[in-house]
Amino acid sequence: MTWKPQASLEVLRLRARLLARIRNFFEARGVLEVETPVLGHAGVTDPFIESLRSGELYLQTSPELAMKRLLAAGSGPIFQICKAFRAGEAGTRHNPEFTMLEWYQPGYDHHALMDEVDLLIQEVLEAESAERETFGALFLRYVGLDPHTADRNALERVARVVGEAPFAASELEVDDWLNLLMARVIEPQLGQDRPFFVYDYPVCLKALARLRDETPPVAERFELYYRGMELANGYHELTDLREQRARFEDDRKRREALGLAAVHEDGPFLDALEAGLPKSAGVALGFDRLVMIAASATSIRDVLSFPLDTP
């Protein structure tokens, strides 16, 4: 372990330039920069994300719910560049403490927000305009199954054929298999030459996105990939209080079934939904990964001044 920074001074200067470009982008569009607390009384309910604790408080995994409270209070379009924290996340693309860019646009759906994300990436990274394709079309092409209708047995069979079935396969549900095949089979193919949006996800991967009632129904969600790496995750935001409570309850049951610690629901956020969250779309973008692409780095550690070291 050394006292010296991991990232070179050249990369740290690059980080500063990219931050300035992002702030200039939003200032030119009249989007307000805000700050929300890093510590809170409620943790994330998502069973696939684990919060870090500081005493009785949680370090926030995302500023999402606090920013939605600002939207409900009439803030208009807002963005934030902040630190976020997630337990158990370490590797070439993960650090337990990381920098996130998150923003919300009232009146937008996920397509309009994809347009804005595309413009940001073109301006900040000097990239070409992004390609776009639905989750369903990509799954059919690379996996050979319709992700909206495939059952867990069919997904497991394909995973075994491509050598991606984990040891505890019997414990996986449909959403687990979809995520696994997306990450291992499809994701590496995406955005090698230009950014790539995947949109309209299966309902079981809805997270906090609105559902569109068609046959089959889809979640109005998108993810952005570039150089084979997930860079951003966005939603046409759910605004229905009853549905949000139901999703929190589903998360609680899933966490209990997986033996994960129970977490408190964010009461003030639910109160904000009851008061009225405007129709909007929001996106979270991993800033450190953005720097990795700009610096042609292969590890997140090379773009952080002091990544978390293992004792």
Protein backbone atom coordinates (compact mmCIF):
# COMPACT_ATOMS: atom_id res chain seq x y z
CA MET A 1 0.00 0.00 0.00
CA THR A 2 1.40 3.41 -0.98
CA TRP A 3 0.57 6.97 -0.03
CA LYS A 4 0.75 8.08 -3.66
CA PRO A 5 -2.38 8.50 -5.81
CA GLN A 6 -3.28 5.59 -8.08
CA ALA A 7 -4.38 7.78 -10.99
CA SER A 8 -1.75 9.80 -12.79
CA LEU A 9 -1.88 13.59 -12.63
CA GLU A 10 -2.71 13.55 -16.34
CA VAL A 11 -5.82 11.46 -15.65
CA LEU A 12 -6.81 13.65 -12.69
CA ARG A 13 -6.63 16.69 -14.97
CA LEU A 14 -8.78 14.79 -17.48
CA ARG A 15 -11.37 14.13 -14.74
CA ALA A 16 -11.49 17.86 -14.01
CA ARG A 17 -11.98 18.72 -17.70
CA LEU A 18 -14.81 16.19 -18.04
CA LEU A 19 -16.54 17.54 -14.92
CA ALA A 20 -16.33 21.06 -16.37
CA ARG A 21 -17.81 19.89 -19.69
CA ILE A 22 -20.71 18.20 -17.90
CA ARG A 23 -21.50 21.30 -15.85
CA ASN A 24 -21.29 23.50 -18.96
CA PHE A 25 -23.65 21.12 -20.78
CA PHE A 26 -26.32 21.41 -18.10
CA GLU A 27 -25.86 25.13 -17.49
CA ALA A 28 -26.47 25.77 -21.20
CA ARG A 29 -29.76 23.87 -20.90
CA GLY A 30 -30.96 25.54 -17.71
CA VAL A 31 -30.68 22.40 -15.59
CA LEU A 32 -30.16 23.21 -11.91
CA GLU A 33 -27.28 21.60 -10.02
CA VAL A 34 -28.42 20.31 -6.63
CA GLU A 35 -27.02 18.49 -3.61
CA THR A 36 -28.78 15.89 -1.48
CA PRO A 37 -27.59 14.05 1.67
CA VAL A 38 -25.10 11.21 1.50
CA LEU A 39 -26.41 9.81 4.82
CA GLY A 40 -30.00 8.74 5.36
CA HIS A 41 -32.32 6.72 7.59
CA ALA A 42 -33.45 4.46 4.72
CA GLY A 43 -31.37 2.03 2.68
CA VAL A 44 -31.94 0.71 -0.83
CA THR A 45 -34.57 -2.04 -1.08
CA ASP A 46 -33.25 -3.50 -4.35
CA PRO A 47 -32.10 -7.07 -3.53
CA PHE A 48 -29.22 -6.75 -6.01
CA ILE A 49 -27.72 -3.66 -4.36
CA GLU A 50 -26.43 -3.59 -0.78
CA SER A 51 -26.07 -0.41 1.26
CA LEU A 52 -23.10 0.45 3.45
CA ARG A 53 -23.85 1.55 7.02
CA SER A 54 -22.40 4.31 9.17
CA GLY A 55 -23.71 3.59 12.66
CA GLU A 56 -27.50 3.74 12.48
CA LEU A 57 -27.47 5.55 9.13
CA TYR A 58 -27.10 4.34 5.56
CA LEU A 59 -24.62 5.71 3.04
CA GLN A 60 -26.73 6.36 -0.02
CA THR A 61 -26.35 4.08 -3.05
CA SER A 62 -27.85 6.77 -5.28
CA PRO A 63 -29.36 10.25 -4.85
CA GLU A 64 -32.45 9.08 -6.74
CA LEU A 65 -35.17 9.19 -4.10
CA ALA A 66 -34.02 12.50 -2.61
CA MET A 67 -33.87 14.07 -6.07
CA LYS A 68 -37.41 12.88 -6.76
CA ARG A 69 -38.50 14.68 -3.61
CA LEU A 70 -37.05 17.85 -5.13
CA LEU A 71 -38.97 17.18 -8.35
CA ALA A 72 -42.20 16.80 -6.37
CA ALA A 73 -41.44 20.13 -4.68
CA GLY A 74 -41.30 21.85 -8.08
CA SER A 75 -37.57 22.04 -8.70
CA GLY A 76 -37.83 21.61 -12.46
CA PRO A 77 -34.93 19.91 -14.31
CA ILE A 78 -32.07 19.02 -11.96
CA PHE A 79 -28.70 17.26 -11.98
CA GLN A 80 -26.19 16.16 -9.39
CA ILE A 81 -22.59 14.94 -9.37
CA CYS A 82 -22.04 13.09 -6.12
CA LYS A 83 -20.41 10.25 -4.24
CA ALA A 84 -22.37 7.02 -3.91
CA PHE A 85 -21.56 3.86 -1.94
CA ARG A 86 -22.36 0.19 -2.46
CA ALA A 87 -21.20 -2.79 -0.41
CA GLY A 88 -19.46 -5.72 -2.04
CA GLU A 89 -18.67 -3.91 -5.28
CA ALA A 90 -15.02 -4.19 -6.24
CA GLY A 91 -13.23 -5.10 -9.45
CA THR A 92 -12.02 -3.56 -12.67
CA ARG A 93 -15.27 -1.58 -13.07
CA HIS A 94 -16.37 -1.19 -9.43
CA ASN A 95 -15.19 0.57 -6.29
CA PRO A 96 -17.33 0.69 -3.11
CA GLU A 97 -17.13 4.52 -3.25
CA PHE A 98 -17.72 6.00 -6.69
CA THR A 99 -18.85 9.16 -8.46
CA MET A 100 -22.30 9.30 -10.02
CA LEU A 101 -23.93 11.78 -12.36
CA GLU A 102 -27.71 11.72 -12.07
CA TRP A 103 -30.31 13.98 -13.64
CA TYR A 104 -34.07 14.33 -14.13
CA GLN A 105 -36.12 16.06 -16.81
CA PRO A 106 -39.80 16.78 -16.08
CA GLY A 107 -42.01 16.19 -19.10
CA TYR A 108 -39.59 13.76 -20.74
CA ASP A 109 -40.16 10.09 -21.50
CA HIS A 110 -37.28 7.62 -21.83
CA HIS A 111 -36.86 8.33 -25.55
CA ALA A 112 -36.49 12.08 -24.99
CA LEU A 113 -33.97 11.45 -22.22
CA MET A 114 -32.00 9.05 -24.44
CA ASP A 115 -31.73 11.92 -26.92
CA GLU A 116 -30.25 14.16 -24.21
CA VAL A 117 -27.88 11.47 -22.90
CA ASP A 118 -26.70 10.95 -26.48
CA LEU A 119 -25.94 14.68 -26.83
CA LEU A 120 -24.05 14.69 -23.52
CA ILE A 121 -21.86 11.74 -24.53
CA GLN A 122 -21.17 13.32 -27.93
CA GLU A 123 -20.11 16.57 -26.27
CA VAL A 124 -18.16 15.17 -23.32
CA LEU A 125 -16.47 12.21 -25.02
CA GLU A 126 -16.56 13.52 -28.61
CA ALA A 127 -18.32 10.27 -29.53
CA GLU A 128 -20.52 9.49 -32.50
CA SER A 129 -24.29 9.50 -32.12
CA ALA A 130 -25.54 6.34 -30.37
CA GLU A 131 -27.27 3.34 -31.89
CA ARG A 132 -30.50 2.02 -30.34
CA GLU A 133 -32.25 -1.33 -30.14
CA THR A 134 -34.85 -2.92 -27.90
CA PHE A 135 -33.93 -5.47 -25.24
CA GLY A 136 -36.22 -7.97 -26.96
CA ALA A 137 -34.59 -7.64 -30.39
CA LEU A 138 -31.08 -7.99 -28.93
CA PHE A 139 -32.06 -11.07 -26.91
CA LEU A 140 -33.58 -12.75 -29.92
CA ARG A 141 -30.43 -12.05 -31.97
CA TYR A 142 -27.78 -13.13 -29.47
CA VAL A 143 -29.61 -15.63 -27.25
CA GLY A 144 -32.36 -16.92 -29.54
CA LEU A 145 -35.19 -16.41 -27.05
CA ASP A 146 -37.91 -13.84 -26.53
CA PRO A 147 -37.07 -12.36 -23.09
CA HIS A 148 -40.67 -11.23 -22.57
CA THR A 149 -42.04 -14.78 -22.70
CA ALA A 150 -39.13 -17.19 -22.02
CA ASP A 151 -39.38 -19.21 -18.80
CA ARG A 152 -36.50 -19.97 -16.43
CA ASN A 153 -35.98 -23.48 -17.83
CA ALA A 154 -35.47 -22.21 -21.38
CA LEU A 155 -33.11 -19.48 -20.15
CA GLU A 156 -31.13 -21.97 -18.08
CA ARG A 157 -30.75 -24.33 -21.05
CA VAL A 158 -29.27 -21.57 -23.19
CA ALA A 159 -26.97 -20.46 -20.35
CA ARG A 160 -25.64 -24.02 -20.03
CA VAL A 161 -25.03 -24.26 -23.78
CA VAL A 162 -22.91 -21.06 -23.72
CA GLY A 163 -21.17 -22.09 -20.50
CA GLU A 164 -22.71 -19.40 -18.29
CA ALA A 165 -24.78 -21.43 -15.81
CA PRO A 166 -23.55 -20.76 -12.24
CA PHE A 167 -23.19 -23.42 -9.56
CA ALA A 168 -26.35 -22.30 -7.71
CA ALA A 169 -28.48 -22.30 -10.87
CA SER A 170 -31.53 -23.78 -9.10
CA GLU A 171 -31.83 -20.63 -6.98
CA LEU A 172 -32.08 -18.27 -9.97
CA GLU A 173 -35.36 -16.72 -11.14
CA VAL A 174 -36.25 -15.44 -14.62
CA ASP A 175 -34.88 -11.94 -13.89
CA ASP A 176 -31.60 -13.44 -12.66
CA TRP A 177 -31.16 -15.45 -15.87
CA LEU A 178 -32.01 -12.44 -18.04
CA ASN A 179 -29.46 -10.30 -16.21
CA LEU A 180 -26.84 -13.06 -16.41
CA LEU A 181 -27.24 -13.65 -20.14
CA MET A 182 -27.37 -9.91 -20.82
CA ALA A 183 -24.13 -9.32 -18.90
CA ARG A 184 -22.18 -12.33 -20.17
CA VAL A 185 -23.44 -12.84 -23.72
CA ILE A 186 -24.89 -9.57 -25.04
CA GLU A 187 -23.18 -6.73 -23.16
CA PRO A 188 -19.65 -7.43 -24.48
CA GLN A 189 -20.98 -7.04 -28.05
CA LEU A 190 -22.41 -3.57 -27.51
CA GLY A 191 -21.02 -0.13 -28.16
CA GLN A 192 -17.58 -1.13 -29.34
CA ASP A 193 -17.35 1.62 -31.96
CA ARG A 194 -20.13 4.00 -30.88
CA PRO A 195 -22.46 4.27 -27.87
CA PHE A 196 -25.42 1.89 -27.83
CA PHE A 197 -28.80 2.26 -26.09
CA VAL A 198 -30.83 -0.79 -25.06
CA TYR A 199 -34.45 0.10 -24.23
CA ASP A 200 -37.90 -1.31 -23.43
CA TYR A 201 -37.07 -4.04 -20.90
CA PRO A 202 -39.07 -7.09 -19.78
CA VAL A 203 -41.48 -6.34 -16.95
CA CYS A 204 -39.52 -8.46 -14.46
CA LEU A 205 -36.59 -6.01 -14.90
CA LYS A 206 -38.76 -2.94 -14.37
CA ALA A 207 -36.93 -1.50 -11.31
CA LEU A 208 -38.53 1.97 -10.87
CA ALA A 209 -39.66 2.40 -14.48
CA ARG A 210 -43.19 2.88 -15.78
CA LEU A 211 -44.85 -0.02 -17.54
CA ARG A 212 -46.34 0.37 -21.01
CA ASP A 213 -49.50 -1.66 -21.54
CA GLU A 214 -49.03 -3.56 -24.77
CA THR A 215 -48.63 -7.21 -25.76
CA PRO A 216 -46.35 -8.11 -24.14
CA PRO A 217 -46.08 -5.19 -21.68
CA VAL A 218 -42.66 -3.56 -21.37
CA ALA A 219 -40.81 -1.45 -18.81
CA GLU A 220 -39.91 1.99 -20.16
CA ARG A 221 -36.27 1.74 -19.17
CA PHE A 222 -32.94 2.09 -20.98
CA GLU A 223 -29.27 1.38 -20.45
CA LEU A 224 -26.33 2.90 -22.31
CA TYR A 225 -23.31 0.79 -23.29
CA TYR A 226 -20.02 1.97 -24.69
CA ARG A 227 -16.89 -0.06 -25.38
CA GLY A 228 -18.70 -3.14 -24.05
CA MET A 229 -19.38 -1.51 -20.65
CA GLU A 230 -22.62 -0.36 -19.02
CA LEU A 231 -22.39 3.40 -18.61
CA ALA A 232 -25.89 4.64 -17.68
CA ASN A 233 -29.29 3.40 -16.54
CA GLY A 234 -32.46 5.45 -17.03
CA TYR A 235 -36.23 5.27 -16.58
CA HIS A 236 -39.45 6.88 -17.62
CA GLU A 237 -40.15 7.30 -13.94
CA LEU A 238 -42.86 5.52 -11.99
CA THR A 239 -45.17 8.06 -10.33
CA ASP A 240 -47.94 5.82 -8.97
CA LEU A 241 -47.81 5.54 -5.16
CA ARG A 242 -49.73 2.26 -4.95
CA GLU A 243 -47.49 0.60 -7.52
CA GLN A 244 -44.37 1.91 -5.79
CA ARG A 245 -45.49 0.48 -2.46
CA ALA A 246 -46.11 -2.87 -4.17
CA ARG A 247 -42.62 -2.86 -5.66
CA PHE A 248 -41.04 -2.05 -2.30
CA GLU A 249 -42.99 -5.00 -0.83
CA ASP A 250 -41.78 -7.29 -3.63
CA ASP A 251 -38.21 -6.20 -2.87
CA ARG A 252 -38.75 -6.91 0.84
CA LYS A 253 -39.97 -10.44 0.12
CA ARG A 254 -37.10 -11.11 -2.28
CA ARG A 255 -34.54 -9.87 0.23
CA GLU A 256 -36.08 -12.07 2.92
CA ALA A 257 -36.00 -15.11 0.63
CA LEU A 258 -32.34 -14.47 -0.15
CA GLY A 259 -31.46 -14.05 3.54
CA LEU A 260 -30.52 -10.39 3.10
CA ALA A 261 -30.90 -7.77 5.81
CA ALA A 262 -34.20 -5.93 5.97
CA VAL A 263 -34.09 -2.20 5.19
CA HIS A 264 -36.47 0.62 6.00
CA GLU A 265 -38.59 2.08 3.21
CA ASP A 266 -37.97 5.74 2.46
CA GLY A 267 -41.06 7.31 4.03
CA PRO A 268 -40.44 10.91 2.86
CA PHE A 269 -40.07 9.67 -0.71
CA LEU A 270 -43.43 7.89 -0.52
CA ASP A 271 -44.94 11.09 0.91
CA ALA A 272 -43.52 12.98 -2.09
CA LEU A 273 -45.14 10.48 -4.45
CA GLU A 274 -48.45 10.98 -2.67
CA ALA A 275 -48.08 14.77 -3.05
CA GLY A 276 -47.45 14.28 -6.77
CA LEU A 277 -44.30 13.50 -8.73
CA PRO A 278 -44.45 15.12 -12.18
CA LYS A 279 -44.16 12.97 -15.27
CA SER A 280 -40.42 12.79 -15.82
CA ALA A 281 -37.47 10.71 -16.90
CA GLY A 282 -34.23 10.25 -14.99
CA VAL A 283 -30.84 8.64 -15.53
CA ALA A 284 -27.80 7.68 -13.46
CA LEU A 285 -24.41 7.64 -15.18
CA GLY A 286 -21.18 6.23 -13.77
CA PHE A 287 -18.74 9.11 -14.01
CA ASP A 288 -15.67 7.01 -13.20
CA ARG A 289 -16.51 4.70 -16.10
CA LEU A 290 -16.88 7.75 -18.32
CA VAL A 291 -13.34 8.74 -17.34
CA MET A 292 -12.16 5.16 -18.03
CA ILE A 293 -13.42 5.48 -21.61
CA ALA A 294 -11.88 8.94 -22.09
CA ALA A 295 -8.55 7.75 -20.67
CA SER A 296 -8.61 4.34 -22.43
CA ALA A 297 -8.18 2.76 -18.98
CA THR A 298 -8.94 -0.91 -18.35
CA SER A 299 -9.48 -0.59 -14.58
CA ILE A 300 -11.47 1.88 -12.51
CA ARG A 301 -8.53 2.03 -10.12
CA ASP A 302 -6.52 3.88 -12.77
CA VAL A 303 -8.94 6.81 -12.82
CA LEU A 304 -9.40 7.22 -9.04
CA SER A 305 -6.94 9.16 -6.93
CA PHE A 306 -7.28 6.78 -3.98
CA PRO A 307 -9.30 3.62 -4.68
CA LEU A 308 -10.18 1.45 -1.71
CA ASP A 309 -7.20 -0.81 -0.99
CA THR A 310 -7.49 -4.26 0.52
CA PRO A 311 -5.65 -4.25 3.87
